[in-house]
Amino acid sequence: MQKYLEIFINAYKGYASYLWHEITHPSFHNYFYWLIAVSLFFFGLELLRPWRKEQPKFRKDFWLDVFYMFFNFFLFSLIIYNAASDVVVNLFNDAVRSLAGFDFQSFNPLRAAPLWVVLLTGFLVRDFVQWNVHILLHRHPKLWEFHKVHHSVEQMGFAAHLRYHWMENVVYRSIEYIPLALLGIGLYDFFIIHIFALAIGHYNHSNITVSGKVSGAVVGFLIGLLIATSSIDIHLLSPNAGLPVQALTVLLSTLAGAFLLGPYMKKIFNSPEMHIWHHAYELPEEHPYGVNFGISLAIWDYLFGKAHVPYSGRDIRLGFPGIEEFPKDFLGQNKHGIV
């Protein structure tokens, strides 16, 4: 027990120092300010081209959700990942080693893989795990009481993405830690995946609508950027690849995303048009526990029969039966299901 306590304390101290450095040293590689930048980007789109034009610019509970963003993204979620994950993985590895004589931590299938392989694998594994956990939150009565906090949103906007009960961090992170850590997904890799998932989650909850070509172009741009800044891929393009080659790579990838991925984007990735139905007050009879459980990817719902987009859900009522009596403040919501 002393061993695991020391692992937790050392990891926590390391993250505390990191977080303070993040706040006090703004830079392009600073994830604290990435959260602010991504949030301002989607808020700007909501102001310029709102999907629900009658919805107030500063919608109901806007500032509550802004607080939730920082609480869940930094003050809770990443602290748990950095500290508790070390403990969970060491406990799991020690248990397997004692029972089967196999050391999982020495088995790292992605150790020599290029960065893009590590990130893609981590993203797909994490999203599929989260899709299953999300269904569990809806099906298990006790977990649903925690998940009601997220579904208490009555007017949708980007910041609603991170309005959720603190216990969800415990559930999600505890289950996703082991597969990610055993694959060799480190904290730096997790942060990159986390930022990408943050942007998609903000988009899913935003009061905007865009075509598949536009969202495909954005994904293509990000893929091109990753290829252009990956040393192994640049070497394959040219031993001395410079800015022109990188720029051409990004441009071609952006065009490919728009025209090749564009027609399929709504079926591959989650979107505001799809996710709004997940928050619908009235659920279809054939899906009493909910629909459209995808976090970043929509493909899981289409593959496993959970997808439901009957028509434009722009103006449907959001919430759940009994939302009128649900706590409206942060403390009340985060005590719900506990006391």
C-alpha atoms as a PDB file:
ATOM      1  CA  MET A   1       0.000   0.000   0.000  1.00  0.00           C
ATOM      2  CA  GLN A   2       2.867   2.376   0.815  1.00  0.00           C
ATOM      3  CA  LYS A   3       4.230   1.853  -2.717  1.00  0.00           C
ATOM      4  CA  TYR A   4       0.935   2.907  -4.349  1.00  0.00           C
ATOM      5  CA  LEU A   5       0.511   5.870  -2.000  1.00  0.00           C
ATOM      6  CA  GLU A   6       3.961   7.143  -2.978  1.00  0.00           C
ATOM      7  CA  ILE A   7       3.163   6.678  -6.680  1.00  0.00           C
ATOM      8  CA  PHE A   8      -0.044   8.710  -6.257  1.00  0.00           C
ATOM      9  CA  ILE A   9       1.623  11.520  -4.261  1.00  0.00           C
ATOM     10  CA  ASN A  10       4.580  11.828  -6.642  1.00  0.00           C
ATOM     11  CA  ALA A  11       2.324  11.917  -9.708  1.00  0.00           C
ATOM     12  CA  TYR A  12       0.028  14.457  -8.045  1.00  0.00           C
ATOM     13  CA  LYS A  13       2.928  16.716  -7.103  1.00  0.00           C
ATOM     14  CA  GLY A  14       4.241  16.501 -10.661  1.00  0.00           C
ATOM     15  CA  TYR A  15       0.898  17.496 -12.126  1.00  0.00           C
ATOM     16  CA  ALA A  16       0.421  20.340  -9.627  1.00  0.00           C
ATOM     17  CA  SER A  17       3.751  21.836 -10.729  1.00  0.00           C
ATOM     18  CA  TYR A  18       2.847  21.291 -14.375  1.00  0.00           C
ATOM     19  CA  LEU A  19      -0.559  22.970 -14.019  1.00  0.00           C
ATOM     20  CA  TRP A  20       0.920  26.024 -12.292  1.00  0.00           C
ATOM     21  CA  HIS A  21       3.517  26.298 -15.051  1.00  0.00           C
ATOM     22  CA  GLU A  22       0.743  26.012 -17.664  1.00  0.00           C
ATOM     23  CA  ILE A  23      -1.190  28.920 -16.195  1.00  0.00           C
ATOM     24  CA  THR A  24       1.791  31.206 -15.662  1.00  0.00           C
ATOM     25  CA  HIS A  25       3.648  30.487 -18.934  1.00  0.00           C
ATOM     26  CA  PRO A  26       1.365  30.934 -21.974  1.00  0.00           C
ATOM     27  CA  SER A  27       2.698  29.282 -25.123  1.00  0.00           C
ATOM     28  CA  PHE A  28       1.608  27.450 -28.263  1.00  0.00           C
ATOM     29  CA  HIS A  29       2.168  24.131 -26.489  1.00  0.00           C
ATOM     30  CA  ASN A  30       0.180  25.174 -23.415  1.00  0.00           C
ATOM     31  CA  TYR A  31      -2.992  23.114 -22.935  1.00  0.00           C
ATOM     32  CA  PHE A  32      -4.586  25.500 -20.454  1.00  0.00           C
ATOM     33  CA  TYR A  33      -4.718  28.167 -23.138  1.00  0.00           C
ATOM     34  CA  TRP A  34      -5.660  25.632 -25.814  1.00  0.00           C
ATOM     35  CA  LEU A  35      -8.870  25.119 -23.831  1.00  0.00           C
ATOM     36  CA  ILE A  36      -9.489  28.864 -23.887  1.00  0.00           C
ATOM     37  CA  ALA A  37      -8.629  29.158 -27.598  1.00  0.00           C
ATOM     38  CA  VAL A  38     -10.858  26.241 -28.677  1.00  0.00           C
ATOM     39  CA  SER A  39     -13.705  27.554 -26.533  1.00  0.00           C
ATOM     40  CA  LEU A  40     -13.437  31.090 -27.927  1.00  0.00           C
ATOM     41  CA  PHE A  41     -13.327  29.705 -31.468  1.00  0.00           C
ATOM     42  CA  PHE A  42     -16.632  27.867 -31.113  1.00  0.00           C
ATOM     43  CA  PHE A  43     -18.222  30.684 -29.129  1.00  0.00           C
ATOM     44  CA  GLY A  44     -17.306  33.034 -31.967  1.00  0.00           C
ATOM     45  CA  LEU A  45     -18.964  30.708 -34.490  1.00  0.00           C
ATOM     46  CA  GLU A  46     -22.085  30.586 -32.313  1.00  0.00           C
ATOM     47  CA  LEU A  47     -22.209  34.388 -32.281  1.00  0.00           C
ATOM     48  CA  LEU A  48     -21.615  34.730 -36.036  1.00  0.00           C
ATOM     49  CA  ARG A  49     -23.704  31.858 -37.429  1.00  0.00           C
ATOM     50  CA  PRO A  50     -26.048  30.396 -34.789  1.00  0.00           C
ATOM     51  CA  TRP A  51     -28.113  27.341 -35.703  1.00  0.00           C
ATOM     52  CA  ARG A  52     -30.911  28.284 -33.263  1.00  0.00           C
ATOM     53  CA  LYS A  53     -31.161  31.974 -34.020  1.00  0.00           C
ATOM     54  CA  GLU A  54     -33.724  32.669 -31.289  1.00  0.00           C
ATOM     55  CA  GLN A  55     -31.483  31.262 -28.560  1.00  0.00           C
ATOM     56  CA  PRO A  56     -29.786  33.964 -26.442  1.00  0.00           C
ATOM     57  CA  LYS A  57     -26.110  34.601 -27.184  1.00  0.00           C
ATOM     58  CA  PHE A  58     -25.358  33.957 -23.534  1.00  0.00           C
ATOM     59  CA  ARG A  59     -27.740  31.054 -23.195  1.00  0.00           C
ATOM     60  CA  LYS A  60     -29.239  29.687 -20.002  1.00  0.00           C
ATOM     61  CA  ASP A  61     -26.511  28.485 -17.569  1.00  0.00           C
ATOM     62  CA  PHE A  62     -23.710  29.737 -19.846  1.00  0.00           C
ATOM     63  CA  TRP A  63     -21.423  30.837 -16.993  1.00  0.00           C
ATOM     64  CA  LEU A  64     -22.143  27.705 -14.971  1.00  0.00           C
ATOM     65  CA  ASP A  65     -20.942  25.629 -17.920  1.00  0.00           C
ATOM     66  CA  VAL A  66     -17.828  27.776 -18.335  1.00  0.00           C
ATOM     67  CA  PHE A  67     -16.904  26.969 -14.741  1.00  0.00           C
ATOM     68  CA  TYR A  68     -17.575  23.284 -15.393  1.00  0.00           C
ATOM     69  CA  MET A  69     -15.167  23.432 -18.352  1.00  0.00           C
ATOM     70  CA  PHE A  70     -12.198  24.436 -16.237  1.00  0.00           C
ATOM     71  CA  PHE A  71     -13.190  22.260 -13.271  1.00  0.00           C
ATOM     72  CA  ASN A  72     -13.590  19.071 -15.296  1.00  0.00           C
ATOM     73  CA  PHE A  73     -10.844  19.661 -17.876  1.00  0.00           C
ATOM     74  CA  PHE A  74      -8.041  20.662 -15.527  1.00  0.00           C
ATOM     75  CA  LEU A  75      -8.895  20.687 -11.855  1.00  0.00           C
ATOM     76  CA  PHE A  76     -10.277  17.150 -11.883  1.00  0.00           C
ATOM     77  CA  SER A  77      -9.957  15.155 -15.081  1.00  0.00           C
ATOM     78  CA  LEU A  78      -6.269  15.549 -15.818  1.00  0.00           C
ATOM     79  CA  ILE A  79      -5.275  15.403 -12.157  1.00  0.00           C
ATOM     80  CA  ILE A  80      -6.922  11.994 -11.918  1.00  0.00           C
ATOM     81  CA  TYR A  81      -5.339  10.821 -15.161  1.00  0.00           C
ATOM     82  CA  ASN A  82      -1.846  11.757 -14.093  1.00  0.00           C
ATOM     83  CA  ALA A  83      -2.047  10.550 -10.492  1.00  0.00           C
ATOM     84  CA  ALA A  84      -4.663   7.835 -10.184  1.00  0.00           C
ATOM     85  CA  SER A  85      -3.792   6.211 -13.511  1.00  0.00           C
ATOM     86  CA  ASP A  86      -0.280   5.434 -12.276  1.00  0.00           C
ATOM     87  CA  VAL A  87      -1.764   3.699  -9.250  1.00  0.00           C
ATOM     88  CA  VAL A  88      -4.410   1.780 -11.258  1.00  0.00           C
ATOM     89  CA  VAL A  89      -1.932   0.589 -13.876  1.00  0.00           C
ATOM     90  CA  ASN A  90       0.618  -0.499 -11.273  1.00  0.00           C
ATOM     91  CA  LEU A  91      -2.057  -2.359  -9.295  1.00  0.00           C
ATOM     92  CA  PHE A  92      -3.317  -4.079 -12.446  1.00  0.00           C
ATOM     93  CA  ASN A  93       0.164  -4.951 -13.662  1.00  0.00           C
ATOM     94  CA  ASP A  94       1.227  -6.308 -10.251  1.00  0.00           C
ATOM     95  CA  ALA A  95      -1.924  -8.441 -10.057  1.00  0.00           C
ATOM     96  CA  VAL A  96      -1.381  -9.933 -13.534  1.00  0.00           C
ATOM     97  CA  ARG A  97       2.318 -10.524 -12.867  1.00  0.00           C
ATOM     98  CA  SER A  98       1.586 -12.329  -9.592  1.00  0.00           C
ATOM     99  CA  LEU A  99      -1.142 -14.491 -11.133  1.00  0.00           C
ATOM    100  CA  ALA A 100       0.239 -15.181 -14.612  1.00  0.00           C
ATOM    101  CA  GLY A 101       3.885 -14.161 -14.401  1.00  0.00           C
ATOM    102  CA  PHE A 102       3.424 -11.697 -17.292  1.00  0.00           C
ATOM    103  CA  ASP A 103       4.620  -8.080 -17.091  1.00  0.00           C
ATOM    104  CA  PHE A 104       2.232  -5.874 -19.055  1.00  0.00           C
ATOM    105  CA  GLN A 105       4.301  -2.733 -18.557  1.00  0.00           C
ATOM    106  CA  SER A 106       7.232  -4.277 -20.402  1.00  0.00           C
ATOM    107  CA  PHE A 107       4.903  -5.119 -23.294  1.00  0.00           C
ATOM    108  CA  ASN A 108       4.438  -1.907 -25.265  1.00  0.00           C
ATOM    109  CA  PRO A 109       3.222  -2.579 -28.851  1.00  0.00           C
ATOM    110  CA  LEU A 110       3.464   1.105 -29.805  1.00  0.00           C
ATOM    111  CA  ARG A 111       6.948   1.789 -28.457  1.00  0.00           C
ATOM    112  CA  ALA A 112       8.573   2.060 -31.903  1.00  0.00           C
ATOM    113  CA  ALA A 113       5.504   3.296 -33.793  1.00  0.00           C
ATOM    114  CA  PRO A 114       5.341   6.747 -35.451  1.00  0.00           C
ATOM    115  CA  LEU A 115       3.529   9.438 -33.494  1.00  0.00           C
ATOM    116  CA  TRP A 116       0.517   9.409 -35.826  1.00  0.00           C
ATOM    117  CA  VAL A 117       0.034   5.659 -35.246  1.00  0.00           C
ATOM    118  CA  VAL A 118       0.199   6.163 -31.474  1.00  0.00           C
ATOM    119  CA  LEU A 119      -2.306   9.034 -31.585  1.00  0.00           C
ATOM    120  CA  LEU A 120      -4.714   7.311 -33.985  1.00  0.00           C
ATOM    121  CA  THR A 121      -4.659   4.077 -31.983  1.00  0.00           C
ATOM    122  CA  GLY A 122      -5.119   5.923 -28.707  1.00  0.00           C
ATOM    123  CA  PHE A 123      -7.958   8.016 -30.121  1.00  0.00           C
ATOM    124  CA  LEU A 124      -9.866   5.007 -31.527  1.00  0.00           C
ATOM    125  CA  VAL A 125      -9.400   2.851 -28.422  1.00  0.00           C
ATOM    126  CA  ARG A 126     -10.340   5.683 -26.067  1.00  0.00           C
ATOM    127  CA  ASP A 127     -13.410   6.671 -28.064  1.00  0.00           C
ATOM    128  CA  PHE A 128     -14.726   3.105 -28.286  1.00  0.00           C
ATOM    129  CA  VAL A 129     -14.198   2.596 -24.549  1.00  0.00           C
ATOM    130  CA  GLN A 130     -15.966   5.896 -23.842  1.00  0.00           C
ATOM    131  CA  TRP A 131     -18.860   4.936 -26.132  1.00  0.00           C
ATOM    132  CA  ASN A 132     -19.423   1.798 -24.066  1.00  0.00           C
ATOM    133  CA  VAL A 133     -19.064   3.678 -20.779  1.00  0.00           C
ATOM    134  CA  HIS A 134     -21.555   6.270 -22.029  1.00  0.00           C
ATOM    135  CA  ILE A 135     -24.134   3.535 -22.636  1.00  0.00           C
ATOM    136  CA  LEU A 136     -23.418   2.202 -19.129  1.00  0.00           C
ATOM    137  CA  LEU A 137     -24.134   5.660 -17.676  1.00  0.00           C
ATOM    138  CA  HIS A 138     -27.583   5.551 -19.261  1.00  0.00           C
ATOM    139  CA  ARG A 139     -28.417   1.936 -18.421  1.00  0.00           C
ATOM    140  CA  HIS A 140     -27.288   1.708 -14.795  1.00  0.00           C
ATOM    141  CA  PRO A 141     -29.793   3.521 -12.505  1.00  0.00           C
ATOM    142  CA  LYS A 142     -27.144   4.816 -10.065  1.00  0.00           C
ATOM    143  CA  LEU A 143     -24.816   6.018 -12.806  1.00  0.00           C
ATOM    144  CA  TRP A 144     -27.736   7.650 -14.620  1.00  0.00           C
ATOM    145  CA  GLU A 145     -28.328   9.845 -11.553  1.00  0.00           C
ATOM    146  CA  PHE A 146     -24.783  11.191 -11.975  1.00  0.00           C
ATOM    147  CA  HIS A 147     -25.190  11.529 -15.745  1.00  0.00           C
ATOM    148  CA  LYS A 148     -28.352  13.595 -15.310  1.00  0.00           C
ATOM    149  CA  VAL A 149     -26.096  16.588 -14.624  1.00  0.00           C
ATOM    150  CA  HIS A 150     -24.950  16.544 -18.257  1.00  0.00           C
ATOM    151  CA  HIS A 151     -28.507  16.094 -19.479  1.00  0.00           C
ATOM    152  CA  SER A 152     -29.776  18.999 -17.368  1.00  0.00           C
ATOM    153  CA  VAL A 153     -28.694  21.323 -20.200  1.00  0.00           C
ATOM    154  CA  GLU A 154     -31.842  23.000 -21.575  1.00  0.00           C
ATOM    155  CA  GLN A 155     -30.190  25.277 -24.161  1.00  0.00           C
ATOM    156  CA  MET A 156     -27.300  23.761 -26.071  1.00  0.00           C
ATOM    157  CA  GLY A 157     -23.968  25.473 -26.552  1.00  0.00           C
ATOM    158  CA  PHE A 158     -20.252  24.585 -26.774  1.00  0.00           C
ATOM    159  CA  ALA A 159     -19.617  24.858 -23.020  1.00  0.00           C
ATOM    160  CA  ALA A 160     -22.313  22.269 -22.259  1.00  0.00           C
ATOM    161  CA  HIS A 161     -19.795  19.693 -23.460  1.00  0.00           C
ATOM    162  CA  LEU A 162     -17.971  19.657 -20.115  1.00  0.00           C
ATOM    163  CA  ARG A 163     -20.954  20.039 -17.804  1.00  0.00           C
ATOM    164  CA  TYR A 164     -20.950  16.694 -16.036  1.00  0.00           C
ATOM    165  CA  HIS A 165     -20.845  15.237 -12.522  1.00  0.00           C
ATOM    166  CA  TRP A 166     -17.398  14.765 -10.970  1.00  0.00           C
ATOM    167  CA  MET A 167     -18.147  11.054 -10.535  1.00  0.00           C
ATOM    168  CA  GLU A 168     -18.169  10.678 -14.330  1.00  0.00           C
ATOM    169  CA  ASN A 169     -14.465  11.464 -14.306  1.00  0.00           C
ATOM    170  CA  VAL A 170     -13.943   8.617 -11.864  1.00  0.00           C
ATOM    171  CA  VAL A 171     -15.988   6.192 -13.977  1.00  0.00           C
ATOM    172  CA  TYR A 172     -14.616   7.192 -17.398  1.00  0.00           C
ATOM    173  CA  ARG A 173     -10.987   7.554 -16.386  1.00  0.00           C
ATOM    174  CA  SER A 174     -10.874   4.406 -14.245  1.00  0.00           C
ATOM    175  CA  ILE A 175     -12.077   2.278 -17.157  1.00  0.00           C
ATOM    176  CA  GLU A 176     -10.071   3.929 -19.937  1.00  0.00           C
ATOM    177  CA  TYR A 177      -6.741   4.086 -18.051  1.00  0.00           C
ATOM    178  CA  ILE A 178      -5.731   0.461 -18.323  1.00  0.00           C
ATOM    179  CA  PRO A 179      -6.080  -0.052 -22.116  1.00  0.00           C
ATOM    180  CA  LEU A 180      -4.452   3.322 -22.865  1.00  0.00           C
ATOM    181  CA  ALA A 181      -1.590   2.921 -20.430  1.00  0.00           C
ATOM    182  CA  LEU A 182      -0.916  -0.661 -21.459  1.00  0.00           C
ATOM    183  CA  LEU A 183      -0.768   0.471 -25.087  1.00  0.00           C
ATOM    184  CA  GLY A 184       1.930   2.921 -24.062  1.00  0.00           C
ATOM    185  CA  ILE A 185      -0.166   6.100 -24.400  1.00  0.00           C
ATOM    186  CA  GLY A 186       1.777   8.575 -22.291  1.00  0.00           C
ATOM    187  CA  LEU A 187       0.594  11.806 -20.709  1.00  0.00           C
ATOM    188  CA  TYR A 188       1.828  13.898 -23.668  1.00  0.00           C
ATOM    189  CA  ASP A 189       0.018  11.627 -26.149  1.00  0.00           C
ATOM    190  CA  PHE A 190      -3.104  11.710 -23.987  1.00  0.00           C
ATOM    191  CA  PHE A 191      -3.082  15.516 -23.953  1.00  0.00           C
ATOM    192  CA  ILE A 192      -2.966  15.678 -27.761  1.00  0.00           C
ATOM    193  CA  ILE A 193      -5.836  13.193 -28.019  1.00  0.00           C
ATOM    194  CA  HIS A 194      -7.656  15.089 -25.288  1.00  0.00           C
ATOM    195  CA  ILE A 195      -7.378  18.415 -27.146  1.00  0.00           C
ATOM    196  CA  PHE A 196      -8.643  16.849 -30.391  1.00  0.00           C
ATOM    197  CA  ALA A 197     -11.543  15.219 -28.534  1.00  0.00           C
ATOM    198  CA  LEU A 198     -12.190  18.536 -26.773  1.00  0.00           C
ATOM    199  CA  ALA A 199     -12.610  20.300 -30.125  1.00  0.00           C
ATOM    200  CA  ILE A 200     -14.995  17.617 -31.426  1.00  0.00           C
ATOM    201  CA  GLY A 201     -16.967  17.663 -28.176  1.00  0.00           C
ATOM    202  CA  HIS A 202     -17.277  21.463 -28.286  1.00  0.00           C
ATOM    203  CA  TYR A 203     -18.417  21.171 -31.904  1.00  0.00           C
ATOM    204  CA  ASN A 204     -21.039  18.517 -31.089  1.00  0.00           C
ATOM    205  CA  HIS A 205     -22.607  20.719 -28.441  1.00  0.00           C
ATOM    206  CA  SER A 206     -22.272  24.030 -30.288  1.00  0.00           C
ATOM    207  CA  ASN A 207     -25.178  26.073 -31.558  1.00  0.00           C
ATOM    208  CA  ILE A 208     -23.880  25.836 -35.136  1.00  0.00           C
ATOM    209  CA  THR A 209     -24.316  23.669 -38.212  1.00  0.00           C
ATOM    210  CA  VAL A 210     -21.771  23.138 -40.987  1.00  0.00           C
ATOM    211  CA  SER A 211     -21.635  21.004 -44.112  1.00  0.00           C
ATOM    212  CA  GLY A 212     -19.741  17.740 -44.355  1.00  0.00           C
ATOM    213  CA  LYS A 213     -17.268  19.350 -46.748  1.00  0.00           C
ATOM    214  CA  VAL A 214     -16.330  21.990 -44.196  1.00  0.00           C
ATOM    215  CA  SER A 215     -15.888  19.545 -41.330  1.00  0.00           C
ATOM    216  CA  GLY A 216     -14.030  17.164 -43.679  1.00  0.00           C
ATOM    217  CA  ALA A 217     -11.672  19.962 -44.660  1.00  0.00           C
ATOM    218  CA  VAL A 218     -10.959  20.701 -40.994  1.00  0.00           C
ATOM    219  CA  VAL A 219     -10.131  17.045 -40.295  1.00  0.00           C
ATOM    220  CA  GLY A 220      -7.992  16.921 -43.443  1.00  0.00           C
ATOM    221  CA  PHE A 221      -6.158  20.055 -42.337  1.00  0.00           C
ATOM    222  CA  LEU A 222      -5.396  18.534 -38.919  1.00  0.00           C
ATOM    223  CA  ILE A 223      -4.193  15.287 -40.507  1.00  0.00           C
ATOM    224  CA  GLY A 224      -2.003  17.232 -42.913  1.00  0.00           C
ATOM    225  CA  LEU A 225      -0.609  19.294 -40.051  1.00  0.00           C
ATOM    226  CA  LEU A 226       0.252  16.143 -38.140  1.00  0.00           C
ATOM    227  CA  ILE A 227       1.978  14.601 -41.166  1.00  0.00           C
ATOM    228  CA  ALA A 228       3.845  17.811 -41.980  1.00  0.00           C
ATOM    229  CA  THR A 229       5.178  18.191 -38.455  1.00  0.00           C
ATOM    230  CA  SER A 230       6.080  14.525 -37.939  1.00  0.00           C
ATOM    231  CA  SER A 231       9.806  14.045 -38.448  1.00  0.00           C
ATOM    232  CA  ILE A 232       9.453  10.504 -39.805  1.00  0.00           C
ATOM    233  CA  ASP A 233       6.898  11.536 -42.402  1.00  0.00           C
ATOM    234  CA  ILE A 234       8.851  14.611 -43.441  1.00  0.00           C
ATOM    235  CA  HIS A 235      11.878  12.383 -44.002  1.00  0.00           C
ATOM    236  CA  LEU A 236       9.814  10.168 -46.297  1.00  0.00           C
ATOM    237  CA  LEU A 237       8.746  13.202 -48.311  1.00  0.00           C
ATOM    238  CA  SER A 238      12.218  14.655 -48.579  1.00  0.00           C
ATOM    239  CA  PRO A 239      15.425  14.458 -46.551  1.00  0.00           C
ATOM    240  CA  ASN A 240      15.449  18.241 -46.254  1.00  0.00           C
ATOM    241  CA  ALA A 241      11.754  18.974 -46.453  1.00  0.00           C
ATOM    242  CA  GLY A 242      11.042  22.580 -45.630  1.00  0.00           C
ATOM    243  CA  LEU A 243       8.098  24.911 -45.387  1.00  0.00           C
ATOM    244  CA  PRO A 244       6.923  24.579 -49.059  1.00  0.00           C
ATOM    245  CA  VAL A 245       6.636  20.779 -48.785  1.00  0.00           C
ATOM    246  CA  GLN A 246       4.892  21.059 -45.438  1.00  0.00           C
ATOM    247  CA  ALA A 247       2.465  23.646 -46.779  1.00  0.00           C
ATOM    248  CA  LEU A 248       1.711  21.510 -49.840  1.00  0.00           C
ATOM    249  CA  THR A 249       1.116  18.486 -47.594  1.00  0.00           C
ATOM    250  CA  VAL A 250      -1.379  20.424 -45.476  1.00  0.00           C
ATOM    251  CA  LEU A 251      -3.137  21.857 -48.548  1.00  0.00           C
ATOM    252  CA  LEU A 252      -3.524  18.474 -50.281  1.00  0.00           C
ATOM    253  CA  SER A 253      -4.707  16.836 -47.064  1.00  0.00           C
ATOM    254  CA  THR A 254      -7.266  19.609 -46.535  1.00  0.00           C
ATOM    255  CA  LEU A 255      -8.651  19.195 -50.065  1.00  0.00           C
ATOM    256  CA  ALA A 256      -8.748  15.418 -49.689  1.00  0.00           C
ATOM    257  CA  GLY A 257     -10.638  15.810 -46.430  1.00  0.00           C
ATOM    258  CA  ALA A 258     -13.200  18.119 -48.007  1.00  0.00           C
ATOM    259  CA  PHE A 259     -13.923  16.046 -51.103  1.00  0.00           C
ATOM    260  CA  LEU A 260     -13.171  12.476 -50.001  1.00  0.00           C
ATOM    261  CA  LEU A 261     -14.279  12.570 -46.365  1.00  0.00           C
ATOM    262  CA  GLY A 262     -16.903  15.316 -46.783  1.00  0.00           C
ATOM    263  CA  PRO A 263     -19.801  13.121 -47.995  1.00  0.00           C
ATOM    264  CA  TYR A 264     -19.273  10.688 -45.090  1.00  0.00           C
ATOM    265  CA  MET A 265     -18.423  13.054 -42.233  1.00  0.00           C
ATOM    266  CA  LYS A 266     -21.872  12.941 -40.627  1.00  0.00           C
ATOM    267  CA  LYS A 267     -21.618   9.144 -40.430  1.00  0.00           C
ATOM    268  CA  ILE A 268     -18.008   9.044 -39.222  1.00  0.00           C
ATOM    269  CA  PHE A 269     -17.891  11.891 -36.717  1.00  0.00           C
ATOM    270  CA  ASN A 270     -20.451  13.118 -34.234  1.00  0.00           C
ATOM    271  CA  SER A 271     -22.120  16.444 -35.056  1.00  0.00           C
ATOM    272  CA  PRO A 272     -24.543  18.982 -33.550  1.00  0.00           C
ATOM    273  CA  GLU A 273     -27.312  17.628 -35.790  1.00  0.00           C
ATOM    274  CA  MET A 274     -26.780  14.132 -34.399  1.00  0.00           C
ATOM    275  CA  HIS A 275     -25.892  14.888 -30.806  1.00  0.00           C
ATOM    276  CA  ILE A 276     -28.929  17.108 -30.223  1.00  0.00           C
ATOM    277  CA  TRP A 277     -31.032  13.928 -30.367  1.00  0.00           C
ATOM    278  CA  HIS A 278     -28.976  12.421 -27.566  1.00  0.00           C
ATOM    279  CA  HIS A 279     -30.173  15.282 -25.357  1.00  0.00           C
ATOM    280  CA  ALA A 280     -33.813  15.040 -26.449  1.00  0.00           C
ATOM    281  CA  TYR A 281     -36.408  15.232 -23.662  1.00  0.00           C
ATOM    282  CA  GLU A 282     -38.544  12.596 -25.376  1.00  0.00           C
ATOM    283  CA  LEU A 283     -36.806   9.379 -26.408  1.00  0.00           C
ATOM    284  CA  PRO A 284     -38.040   6.953 -29.089  1.00  0.00           C
ATOM    285  CA  GLU A 285     -39.940   3.931 -27.750  1.00  0.00           C
ATOM    286  CA  GLU A 286     -37.470   1.505 -29.275  1.00  0.00           C
ATOM    287  CA  HIS A 287     -34.557   3.224 -27.470  1.00  0.00           C
ATOM    288  CA  PRO A 288     -35.777   3.958 -23.922  1.00  0.00           C
ATOM    289  CA  TYR A 289     -32.236   4.398 -22.574  1.00  0.00           C
ATOM    290  CA  GLY A 290     -31.126   6.862 -25.230  1.00  0.00           C
ATOM    291  CA  VAL A 291     -29.582   7.162 -28.686  1.00  0.00           C
ATOM    292  CA  ASN A 292     -26.442   8.525 -30.354  1.00  0.00           C
ATOM    293  CA  PHE A 293     -23.942   7.672 -27.617  1.00  0.00           C
ATOM    294  CA  GLY A 294     -20.864   8.548 -29.669  1.00  0.00           C
ATOM    295  CA  ILE A 295     -18.397  10.885 -27.972  1.00  0.00           C
ATOM    296  CA  SER A 296     -16.234  11.866 -30.950  1.00  0.00           C
ATOM    297  CA  LEU A 297     -17.160   9.239 -33.531  1.00  0.00           C
ATOM    298  CA  ALA A 298     -20.668   8.523 -34.822  1.00  0.00           C
ATOM    299  CA  ILE A 299     -19.569   5.323 -36.507  1.00  0.00           C
ATOM    300  CA  TRP A 300     -20.058   3.192 -33.373  1.00  0.00           C
ATOM    301  CA  ASP A 301     -23.750   4.159 -33.224  1.00  0.00           C
ATOM    302  CA  TYR A 302     -24.282   3.321 -36.884  1.00  0.00           C
ATOM    303  CA  LEU A 303     -22.411   0.038 -36.584  1.00  0.00           C
ATOM    304  CA  PHE A 304     -24.295  -1.128 -33.482  1.00  0.00           C
ATOM    305  CA  GLY A 305     -27.787   0.209 -34.197  1.00  0.00           C
ATOM    306  CA  LYS A 306     -27.847   3.134 -31.745  1.00  0.00           C
ATOM    307  CA  ALA A 307     -28.055   5.947 -34.320  1.00  0.00           C
ATOM    308  CA  HIS A 308     -31.237   8.044 -34.468  1.00  0.00           C
ATOM    309  CA  VAL A 309     -31.563  11.229 -36.556  1.00  0.00           C
ATOM    310  CA  PRO A 310     -35.181  11.235 -37.835  1.00  0.00           C
ATOM    311  CA  TYR A 311     -35.173  14.903 -38.919  1.00  0.00           C
ATOM    312  CA  SER A 312     -33.552  18.222 -38.015  1.00  0.00           C
ATOM    313  CA  GLY A 313     -33.655  18.394 -34.248  1.00  0.00           C
ATOM    314  CA  ARG A 314     -32.767  22.061 -34.087  1.00  0.00           C
ATOM    315  CA  ASP A 315     -35.762  23.096 -31.987  1.00  0.00           C
ATOM    316  CA  ILE A 316     -36.580  19.946 -30.009  1.00  0.00           C
ATOM    317  CA  ARG A 317     -36.986  20.144 -26.232  1.00  0.00           C
ATOM    318  CA  LEU A 318     -33.889  19.134 -24.262  1.00  0.00           C
ATOM    319  CA  GLY A 319     -33.529  17.488 -20.879  1.00  0.00           C
ATOM    320  CA  PHE A 320     -35.365  14.610 -19.197  1.00  0.00           C
ATOM    321  CA  PRO A 321     -38.628  14.044 -17.302  1.00  0.00           C
ATOM    322  CA  GLY A 322     -38.249  15.653 -13.879  1.00  0.00           C
ATOM    323  CA  ILE A 323     -35.709  18.265 -14.969  1.00  0.00           C
ATOM    324  CA  GLU A 324     -37.903  20.962 -13.436  1.00  0.00           C
ATOM    325  CA  GLU A 325     -36.958  19.758  -9.932  1.00  0.00           C
ATOM    326  CA  PHE A 326     -33.304  19.057 -10.720  1.00  0.00           C
ATOM    327  CA  PRO A 327     -30.698  21.230  -8.877  1.00  0.00           C
ATOM    328  CA  LYS A 328     -29.701  24.345 -10.803  1.00  0.00           C
ATOM    329  CA  ASP A 329     -26.426  25.226  -9.027  1.00  0.00           C
ATOM    330  CA  PHE A 330     -22.973  23.633  -9.172  1.00  0.00           C
ATOM    331  CA  LEU A 331     -22.900  22.318  -5.595  1.00  0.00           C
ATOM    332  CA  GLY A 332     -26.423  20.954  -5.772  1.00  0.00           C
ATOM    333  CA  GLN A 333     -25.733  19.178  -9.050  1.00  0.00           C
ATOM    334  CA  ASN A 334     -22.472  17.649  -7.803  1.00  0.00           C
ATOM    335  CA  LYS A 335     -24.075  16.380  -4.604  1.00  0.00           C
ATOM    336  CA  HIS A 336     -26.848  14.761  -6.644  1.00  0.00           C
ATOM    337  CA  GLY A 337     -26.617  11.000  -6.579  1.00  0.00           C
ATOM    338  CA  ILE A 338     -24.277  11.121  -3.563  1.00  0.00           C
ATOM    339  CA  VAL A 339     -26.596  12.430  -0.841  1.00  0.00           C
END
